[in-house]
C-alpha atoms as a PDB file:
ATOM      1  CA  MET A   1      61.011 -19.897 -11.990  1.00  0.00           C
ATOM      2  CA  SER A   2      59.805 -16.296 -10.982  1.00  0.00           C
ATOM      3  CA  ASN A   3      56.316 -15.753 -12.304  1.00  0.00           C
ATOM      4  CA  ARG A   4      56.599 -11.689 -11.737  1.00  0.00           C
ATOM      5  CA  TRP A   5      58.269  -9.582 -14.633  1.00  0.00           C
ATOM      6  CA  GLN A   6      59.829  -6.064 -14.509  1.00  0.00           C
ATOM      7  CA  TYR A   7      59.694  -3.761 -17.594  1.00  0.00           C
ATOM      8  CA  LYS A   8      61.846  -0.973 -19.483  1.00  0.00           C
ATOM      9  CA  VAL A   9      61.352   0.823 -22.168  1.00  0.00           C
ATOM     10  CA  VAL A  10      63.584   2.151 -23.500  1.00  0.00           C
ATOM     11  CA  GLU A  11      63.486   5.486 -26.529  1.00  0.00           C
ATOM     12  CA  MET A  12      66.694   5.630 -28.837  1.00  0.00           C
ATOM     13  CA  PRO A  13      66.159   9.125 -31.430  1.00  0.00           C
ATOM     14  CA  PHE A  14      65.488   8.075 -35.107  1.00  0.00           C
ATOM     15  CA  LYS A  15      68.894   9.658 -35.077  1.00  0.00           C
ATOM     16  CA  MET A  16      70.605   6.599 -33.842  1.00  0.00           C
ATOM     17  CA  PHE A  17      68.918   4.600 -36.511  1.00  0.00           C
ATOM     18  CA  GLY A  18      70.505   5.480 -39.269  1.00  0.00           C
ATOM     19  CA  LYS A  19      72.806   2.848 -38.724  1.00  0.00           C
ATOM     20  CA  LEU A  20      72.994   0.649 -35.651  1.00  0.00           C
ATOM     21  CA  THR A  21      75.775   1.796 -34.140  1.00  0.00           C
ATOM     22  CA  ASP A  22      78.184   1.471 -31.911  1.00  0.00           C
ATOM     23  CA  ARG A  23      76.201   3.821 -29.111  1.00  0.00           C
ATOM     24  CA  VAL A  24      73.032   1.252 -29.229  1.00  0.00           C
ATOM     25  CA  GLN A  25      74.888  -2.155 -29.160  1.00  0.00           C
ATOM     26  CA  ALA A  26      76.830  -0.916 -25.878  1.00  0.00           C
ATOM     27  CA  GLU A  27      73.223   0.351 -24.379  1.00  0.00           C
ATOM     28  CA  LEU A  28      71.602  -3.514 -25.925  1.00  0.00           C
ATOM     29  CA  ASP A  29      75.106  -5.283 -24.386  1.00  0.00           C
ATOM     30  CA  ARG A  30      74.493  -2.925 -21.547  1.00  0.00           C
ATOM     31  CA  LEU A  31      70.836  -4.248 -20.513  1.00  0.00           C
ATOM     32  CA  GLY A  32      71.888  -7.712 -21.829  1.00  0.00           C
ATOM     33  CA  ALA A  33      74.023  -8.554 -18.806  1.00  0.00           C
ATOM     34  CA  GLN A  34      72.220  -6.681 -16.058  1.00  0.00           C
ATOM     35  CA  GLY A  35      69.410  -9.877 -16.644  1.00  0.00           C
ATOM     36  CA  TRP A  36      67.211  -7.376 -19.099  1.00  0.00           C
ATOM     37  CA  GLU A  37      66.040  -8.932 -22.365  1.00  0.00           C
ATOM     38  CA  LEU A  38      64.513  -7.475 -25.922  1.00  0.00           C
ATOM     39  CA  VAL A  39      61.169  -8.426 -26.500  1.00  0.00           C
ATOM     40  CA  SER A  40      59.838  -6.405 -29.222  1.00  0.00           C
ATOM     41  CA  VAL A  41      61.141  -2.572 -31.210  1.00  0.00           C
ATOM     42  CA  VAL A  42      57.840  -0.286 -31.804  1.00  0.00           C
ATOM     43  CA  GLN A  43      58.745   2.672 -34.041  1.00  0.00           C
ATOM     44  CA  ALA A  44      55.358   4.286 -34.537  1.00  0.00           C
ATOM     45  CA  SER A  45      56.072   5.872 -37.842  1.00  0.00           C
ATOM     46  CA  PRO A  46      59.848   7.023 -39.433  1.00  0.00           C
ATOM     47  CA  ALA A  47      60.358  10.272 -38.123  1.00  0.00           C
ATOM     48  CA  ASP A  48      59.283   9.402 -34.355  1.00  0.00           C
ATOM     49  CA  ALA A  49      62.010   7.047 -32.153  1.00  0.00           C
ATOM     50  CA  THR A  50      61.732   4.221 -31.765  1.00  0.00           C
ATOM     51  CA  ARG A  51      60.955   1.754 -28.612  1.00  0.00           C
ATOM     52  CA  LEU A  52      62.739  -1.342 -26.941  1.00  0.00           C
ATOM     53  CA  TYR A  53      60.572  -2.714 -24.754  1.00  0.00           C
ATOM     54  CA  PHE A  54      62.189  -5.222 -21.945  1.00  0.00           C
ATOM     55  CA  LYS A  55      61.844  -7.677 -19.668  1.00  0.00           C
ATOM     56  CA  LYS A  56      63.120  -9.245 -16.397  1.00  0.00           C
ATOM     57  CA  PRO A  57      61.827 -11.482 -13.923  1.00  0.00           C
ATOM     58  CA  ALA A  58      61.172  -9.537 -10.433  1.00  0.00           C
END
């Protein structure tokens, strides 16, 4: 098992999260298929983009 990680931050515009859309689900599925694991979701305020933080072994 690797002790090194790669990290990725994806910003999702607020308008995409009114409902969990097929586009968001497709992006999560695509990144998961590439080995990325979602580890955190942060939205500083309701009007800000939502940031999805991913990691995978380097």
